[in-house]
N, C-alpha and C. Protein backbone atom coordinates (compact mmCIF):
# COMPACT_ATOMS: atom_id res chain seq x y z
N UNK A 1 108.22 102.00 87.79
CA UNK A 1 106.89 101.60 87.36
C UNK A 1 105.86 102.48 88.07
N UNK A 2 104.88 103.02 87.34
CA UNK A 2 103.89 103.89 87.99
C UNK A 2 102.98 103.08 88.93
N UNK A 3 102.43 103.79 89.91
CA UNK A 3 101.50 103.16 90.85
C UNK A 3 100.25 102.69 90.12
N UNK A 4 99.71 101.61 90.61
CA UNK A 4 98.43 101.14 90.08
C UNK A 4 97.37 102.18 90.42
N UNK A 5 96.46 102.44 89.53
CA UNK A 5 95.49 103.51 89.77
C UNK A 5 94.52 103.21 90.92
N UNK A 6 94.35 101.94 91.28
CA UNK A 6 93.48 101.63 92.42
C UNK A 6 94.05 102.22 93.71
N UNK A 7 95.38 102.35 93.80
CA UNK A 7 96.02 102.86 95.00
C UNK A 7 95.60 104.31 95.27
N UNK A 8 95.34 105.06 94.22
CA UNK A 8 94.98 106.47 94.37
C UNK A 8 93.47 106.70 94.36
N UNK A 9 92.71 105.62 94.29
CA UNK A 9 91.26 105.72 94.34
C UNK A 9 90.83 106.04 95.77
N UNK A 10 89.90 106.95 95.92
CA UNK A 10 89.44 107.34 97.26
C UNK A 10 88.63 106.22 97.91
N UNK A 11 88.97 105.94 99.16
CA UNK A 11 88.23 104.92 99.90
C UNK A 11 86.75 105.30 99.98
N UNK A 12 86.47 106.60 100.13
CA UNK A 12 85.09 107.06 100.21
C UNK A 12 84.31 106.78 98.92
N UNK A 13 85.01 106.58 97.81
CA UNK A 13 84.34 106.24 96.56
C UNK A 13 84.03 104.75 96.44
N UNK A 14 84.86 103.93 97.10
CA UNK A 14 84.68 102.48 97.03
C UNK A 14 83.75 101.97 98.12
N UNK A 15 83.80 102.61 99.27
CA UNK A 15 83.01 102.17 100.42
C UNK A 15 81.51 102.00 100.10
N UNK A 16 80.86 103.00 99.46
CA UNK A 16 79.43 102.82 99.15
C UNK A 16 79.17 101.63 98.22
N UNK A 17 80.15 101.30 97.37
CA UNK A 17 79.99 100.15 96.48
C UNK A 17 80.01 98.85 97.27
N UNK A 18 80.87 98.78 98.29
CA UNK A 18 80.88 97.61 99.17
C UNK A 18 79.53 97.47 99.87
N UNK A 19 79.01 98.58 100.37
CA UNK A 19 77.73 98.56 101.09
C UNK A 19 76.61 98.15 100.14
N UNK A 20 76.58 98.71 98.94
CA UNK A 20 75.55 98.35 97.95
C UNK A 20 75.60 96.87 97.61
N UNK A 21 76.80 96.36 97.41
CA UNK A 21 76.95 94.94 97.07
C UNK A 21 76.38 94.07 98.18
N UNK A 22 76.68 94.42 99.43
CA UNK A 22 76.19 93.66 100.58
C UNK A 22 74.66 93.77 100.69
N UNK A 23 74.14 94.99 100.56
CA UNK A 23 72.70 95.21 100.73
C UNK A 23 71.88 94.53 99.63
N UNK A 24 72.45 94.42 98.42
CA UNK A 24 71.75 93.70 97.34
C UNK A 24 71.53 92.25 97.71
N UNK A 25 72.37 91.74 98.58
CA UNK A 25 72.28 90.33 99.00
C UNK A 25 71.73 90.20 100.42
N UNK A 26 70.96 91.21 100.85
CA UNK A 26 70.30 91.22 102.16
C UNK A 26 71.29 91.18 103.33
N UNK A 27 72.47 91.75 103.14
CA UNK A 27 73.42 91.93 104.24
C UNK A 27 73.40 93.42 104.60
N UNK A 28 74.11 93.81 105.64
CA UNK A 28 73.97 95.18 106.14
C UNK A 28 75.26 95.99 106.08
N UNK A 29 75.08 97.30 106.15
CA UNK A 29 76.21 98.24 106.23
C UNK A 29 77.02 97.93 107.48
N UNK A 30 76.36 97.58 108.57
CA UNK A 30 77.04 97.27 109.82
C UNK A 30 77.98 96.08 109.66
N UNK A 31 77.55 95.08 108.87
CA UNK A 31 78.41 93.93 108.62
C UNK A 31 79.62 94.33 107.78
N UNK A 32 79.42 95.20 106.81
CA UNK A 32 80.53 95.71 106.00
C UNK A 32 81.53 96.44 106.91
N UNK A 33 81.01 97.30 107.78
CA UNK A 33 81.87 98.04 108.71
C UNK A 33 82.62 97.08 109.63
N UNK A 34 81.95 96.05 110.09
CA UNK A 34 82.59 95.08 110.99
C UNK A 34 83.76 94.39 110.27
N UNK A 35 83.57 94.04 109.02
CA UNK A 35 84.62 93.40 108.23
C UNK A 35 85.80 94.36 108.05
N UNK A 36 85.51 95.59 107.66
CA UNK A 36 86.58 96.57 107.44
C UNK A 36 87.36 96.81 108.73
N UNK A 37 86.64 96.95 109.84
CA UNK A 37 87.29 97.19 111.14
C UNK A 37 88.11 95.98 111.56
N UNK A 38 87.61 94.77 111.30
CA UNK A 38 88.35 93.55 111.64
C UNK A 38 89.68 93.50 110.88
N UNK A 39 89.63 93.82 109.59
CA UNK A 39 90.83 93.73 108.76
C UNK A 39 91.84 94.83 109.09
N UNK A 40 91.37 96.03 109.36
CA UNK A 40 92.26 97.19 109.47
C UNK A 40 92.56 97.65 110.89
N UNK A 41 91.71 97.30 111.83
CA UNK A 41 91.90 97.79 113.19
C UNK A 41 91.25 99.13 113.47
N UNK A 42 90.63 99.73 112.46
CA UNK A 42 89.90 100.98 112.70
C UNK A 42 88.71 100.69 113.62
N UNK A 43 88.36 101.68 114.44
CA UNK A 43 87.08 101.61 115.13
C UNK A 43 86.08 102.38 114.26
N UNK A 44 84.83 102.42 114.68
CA UNK A 44 83.80 103.05 113.86
C UNK A 44 84.12 104.52 113.60
N UNK A 45 84.60 105.23 114.63
CA UNK A 45 84.93 106.65 114.47
C UNK A 45 86.10 106.84 113.51
N UNK A 46 87.09 105.97 113.60
CA UNK A 46 88.25 106.06 112.71
C UNK A 46 87.88 105.76 111.27
N UNK A 47 87.00 104.80 111.09
CA UNK A 47 86.52 104.46 109.75
C UNK A 47 85.77 105.65 109.16
N UNK A 48 84.90 106.24 109.94
CA UNK A 48 84.13 107.40 109.48
C UNK A 48 85.06 108.57 109.15
N UNK A 49 86.09 108.76 109.95
CA UNK A 49 87.06 109.84 109.71
C UNK A 49 87.79 109.63 108.38
N UNK A 50 88.16 108.39 108.08
CA UNK A 50 88.83 108.10 106.81
C UNK A 50 87.92 108.45 105.63
N UNK A 51 86.65 108.13 105.77
CA UNK A 51 85.69 108.44 104.71
C UNK A 51 85.56 109.95 104.53
N UNK A 52 85.42 110.66 105.65
CA UNK A 52 85.25 112.12 105.60
C UNK A 52 86.49 112.83 105.07
N UNK A 53 87.66 112.31 105.38
CA UNK A 53 88.90 112.95 104.93
C UNK A 53 89.16 112.72 103.44
N UNK A 54 88.48 111.75 102.87
CA UNK A 54 88.66 111.49 101.44
C UNK A 54 90.01 110.87 101.11
N UNK A 55 90.56 110.08 102.03
CA UNK A 55 91.86 109.46 101.79
C UNK A 55 91.77 108.39 100.70
N UNK A 56 92.88 108.26 99.97
CA UNK A 56 92.95 107.20 98.96
C UNK A 56 93.23 105.87 99.65
N UNK A 57 93.15 104.78 98.89
CA UNK A 57 93.34 103.45 99.49
C UNK A 57 94.74 103.28 100.06
N UNK A 58 95.73 103.86 99.42
CA UNK A 58 97.09 103.74 99.93
C UNK A 58 97.19 104.36 101.33
N UNK A 59 96.63 105.55 101.50
CA UNK A 59 96.64 106.22 102.80
C UNK A 59 95.76 105.49 103.79
N UNK A 60 94.60 105.03 103.35
CA UNK A 60 93.67 104.30 104.21
C UNK A 60 94.37 103.11 104.86
N UNK A 61 95.08 102.32 104.07
CA UNK A 61 95.76 101.15 104.63
C UNK A 61 97.03 101.54 105.39
N UNK A 62 97.72 102.59 104.93
CA UNK A 62 98.94 103.04 105.63
C UNK A 62 98.61 103.53 107.04
N UNK A 63 97.45 104.15 107.21
CA UNK A 63 97.05 104.69 108.51
C UNK A 63 96.25 103.69 109.35
N UNK A 64 96.03 102.51 108.83
CA UNK A 64 95.26 101.50 109.57
C UNK A 64 95.97 101.20 110.89
N UNK A 65 95.22 101.24 111.99
CA UNK A 65 95.83 101.04 113.31
C UNK A 65 96.49 99.67 113.48
N UNK A 66 95.88 98.61 112.97
CA UNK A 66 96.42 97.26 113.18
C UNK A 66 95.83 96.31 112.15
N UNK A 67 96.59 96.04 111.11
CA UNK A 67 96.12 95.06 110.12
C UNK A 67 96.05 93.70 110.83
N UNK A 68 94.92 93.03 110.68
CA UNK A 68 94.66 91.79 111.41
C UNK A 68 95.68 90.71 111.05
N UNK A 69 96.31 90.09 112.06
CA UNK A 69 97.29 89.04 111.78
C UNK A 69 96.67 87.80 111.13
N UNK A 70 95.36 87.59 111.28
CA UNK A 70 94.69 86.44 110.67
C UNK A 70 94.37 86.66 109.20
N UNK A 71 94.78 87.78 108.63
CA UNK A 71 94.50 88.05 107.22
C UNK A 71 95.12 86.99 106.32
N UNK A 72 96.20 86.36 106.78
CA UNK A 72 96.84 85.33 105.97
C UNK A 72 95.96 84.10 105.78
N UNK A 73 94.89 84.00 106.59
CA UNK A 73 93.94 82.90 106.44
C UNK A 73 92.96 83.14 105.30
N UNK A 74 92.95 84.36 104.75
CA UNK A 74 92.06 84.70 103.64
C UNK A 74 92.68 84.14 102.37
N UNK A 75 91.96 83.24 101.74
CA UNK A 75 92.47 82.62 100.52
C UNK A 75 91.36 82.62 99.48
N UNK A 76 91.75 82.56 98.22
CA UNK A 76 90.76 82.50 97.16
C UNK A 76 91.10 83.43 96.02
N UNK A 77 90.15 83.53 95.10
CA UNK A 77 90.37 84.29 93.87
C UNK A 77 89.46 85.52 93.85
N UNK A 78 90.07 86.66 93.51
CA UNK A 78 89.32 87.90 93.29
C UNK A 78 89.81 88.45 91.96
N UNK A 79 88.91 88.73 91.07
CA UNK A 79 89.24 89.25 89.74
C UNK A 79 90.27 88.37 89.03
N UNK A 80 90.13 87.06 89.20
CA UNK A 80 90.99 86.13 88.50
C UNK A 80 92.38 85.97 89.10
N UNK A 81 92.62 86.56 90.25
CA UNK A 81 93.94 86.50 90.88
C UNK A 81 93.81 85.90 92.28
N UNK A 82 94.69 84.96 92.62
CA UNK A 82 94.70 84.38 93.97
C UNK A 82 95.25 85.42 94.94
N UNK A 83 94.47 85.78 95.96
CA UNK A 83 94.89 86.84 96.90
C UNK A 83 96.15 86.45 97.66
N UNK A 84 96.30 85.16 97.97
CA UNK A 84 97.47 84.75 98.74
C UNK A 84 98.76 84.79 97.92
N UNK A 85 98.66 84.90 96.60
CA UNK A 85 99.85 84.92 95.73
C UNK A 85 100.29 86.32 95.32
N UNK A 86 99.53 87.34 95.68
CA UNK A 86 99.89 88.71 95.30
C UNK A 86 101.18 89.12 96.01
N UNK A 87 102.09 89.75 95.26
CA UNK A 87 103.37 90.14 95.83
C UNK A 87 103.35 91.55 96.40
N UNK A 88 102.57 92.45 95.83
CA UNK A 88 102.51 93.82 96.34
C UNK A 88 101.66 93.84 97.61
N UNK A 89 102.23 94.23 98.75
CA UNK A 89 101.48 94.17 100.02
C UNK A 89 100.21 95.04 100.02
N UNK A 90 100.26 96.21 99.39
CA UNK A 90 99.08 97.07 99.36
C UNK A 90 97.99 96.45 98.50
N UNK A 91 98.35 95.94 97.33
CA UNK A 91 97.36 95.30 96.46
C UNK A 91 96.76 94.09 97.18
N UNK A 92 97.58 93.37 97.92
CA UNK A 92 97.08 92.20 98.65
C UNK A 92 96.06 92.63 99.70
N UNK A 93 96.30 93.71 100.43
CA UNK A 93 95.34 94.19 101.43
C UNK A 93 94.02 94.60 100.78
N UNK A 94 94.13 95.28 99.63
CA UNK A 94 92.92 95.70 98.91
C UNK A 94 92.13 94.46 98.47
N UNK A 95 92.82 93.48 97.95
CA UNK A 95 92.14 92.25 97.50
C UNK A 95 91.60 91.44 98.66
N UNK A 96 92.29 91.46 99.81
CA UNK A 96 91.74 90.80 101.00
C UNK A 96 90.38 91.41 101.33
N UNK A 97 90.31 92.73 101.32
CA UNK A 97 89.04 93.40 101.63
C UNK A 97 87.98 93.03 100.58
N UNK A 98 88.35 93.03 99.32
CA UNK A 98 87.42 92.64 98.26
C UNK A 98 86.90 91.22 98.50
N UNK A 99 87.80 90.31 98.85
CA UNK A 99 87.43 88.92 99.07
C UNK A 99 86.46 88.78 100.24
N UNK A 100 86.72 89.51 101.32
CA UNK A 100 85.83 89.45 102.49
C UNK A 100 84.43 89.97 102.15
N UNK A 101 84.37 91.05 101.39
CA UNK A 101 83.06 91.60 100.98
C UNK A 101 82.36 90.61 100.05
N UNK A 102 83.10 89.97 99.16
CA UNK A 102 82.52 88.93 98.29
C UNK A 102 81.91 87.81 99.13
N UNK A 103 82.64 87.37 100.16
CA UNK A 103 82.14 86.29 101.02
C UNK A 103 80.87 86.71 101.73
N UNK A 104 80.82 87.96 102.17
CA UNK A 104 79.62 88.49 102.82
C UNK A 104 78.45 88.45 101.85
N UNK A 105 78.68 88.92 100.63
CA UNK A 105 77.61 88.96 99.63
C UNK A 105 77.16 87.56 99.22
N UNK A 106 78.03 86.58 99.36
CA UNK A 106 77.67 85.20 99.01
C UNK A 106 76.95 84.49 100.15
N UNK A 107 76.74 85.19 101.27
CA UNK A 107 75.95 84.62 102.35
C UNK A 107 76.73 83.87 103.40
N UNK A 108 78.03 83.96 103.37
CA UNK A 108 78.85 83.27 104.37
C UNK A 108 78.58 83.84 105.76
N UNK A 109 78.67 83.02 106.77
CA UNK A 109 78.47 83.45 108.16
C UNK A 109 79.63 84.37 108.59
N UNK A 110 79.31 85.38 109.41
CA UNK A 110 80.33 86.33 109.85
C UNK A 110 81.49 85.64 110.57
N UNK A 111 81.23 84.59 111.33
CA UNK A 111 82.30 83.88 112.04
C UNK A 111 83.32 83.32 111.06
N UNK A 112 82.83 82.83 109.93
CA UNK A 112 83.74 82.28 108.92
C UNK A 112 84.46 83.40 108.17
N UNK A 113 83.75 84.46 107.86
CA UNK A 113 84.36 85.60 107.16
C UNK A 113 85.49 86.18 108.00
N UNK A 114 85.26 86.30 109.32
CA UNK A 114 86.24 86.90 110.21
C UNK A 114 87.25 85.88 110.73
N UNK A 115 87.23 84.69 110.14
CA UNK A 115 88.22 83.65 110.45
C UNK A 115 88.30 83.37 111.94
N UNK A 116 87.12 83.15 112.55
CA UNK A 116 87.07 82.87 114.00
C UNK A 116 86.84 81.42 114.26
């Protein structure tokens, strides 16, 4: 079966969309970065390097220093699919990130988004 095309999408192409979505709802780029770093383990320099290198989402998640163990606490629906029920681990990580950005845009407190 061929790879889903989202896997080959460049992270640098999606990242500005996450920031725009957050900023439309009076949230900040810094909050988006905090969420991405929490989920993936990247620091700010590592995140910036991924953007500059133009890595696709598959590489972005494969090179992530430490996927957060609390990611399993992320539950809900993104694009009509329950994130906790996804079987493909890469698709699940992508949807986890989508869900966290959705929560940010909906005005949820950072402590709740980061499952603290």
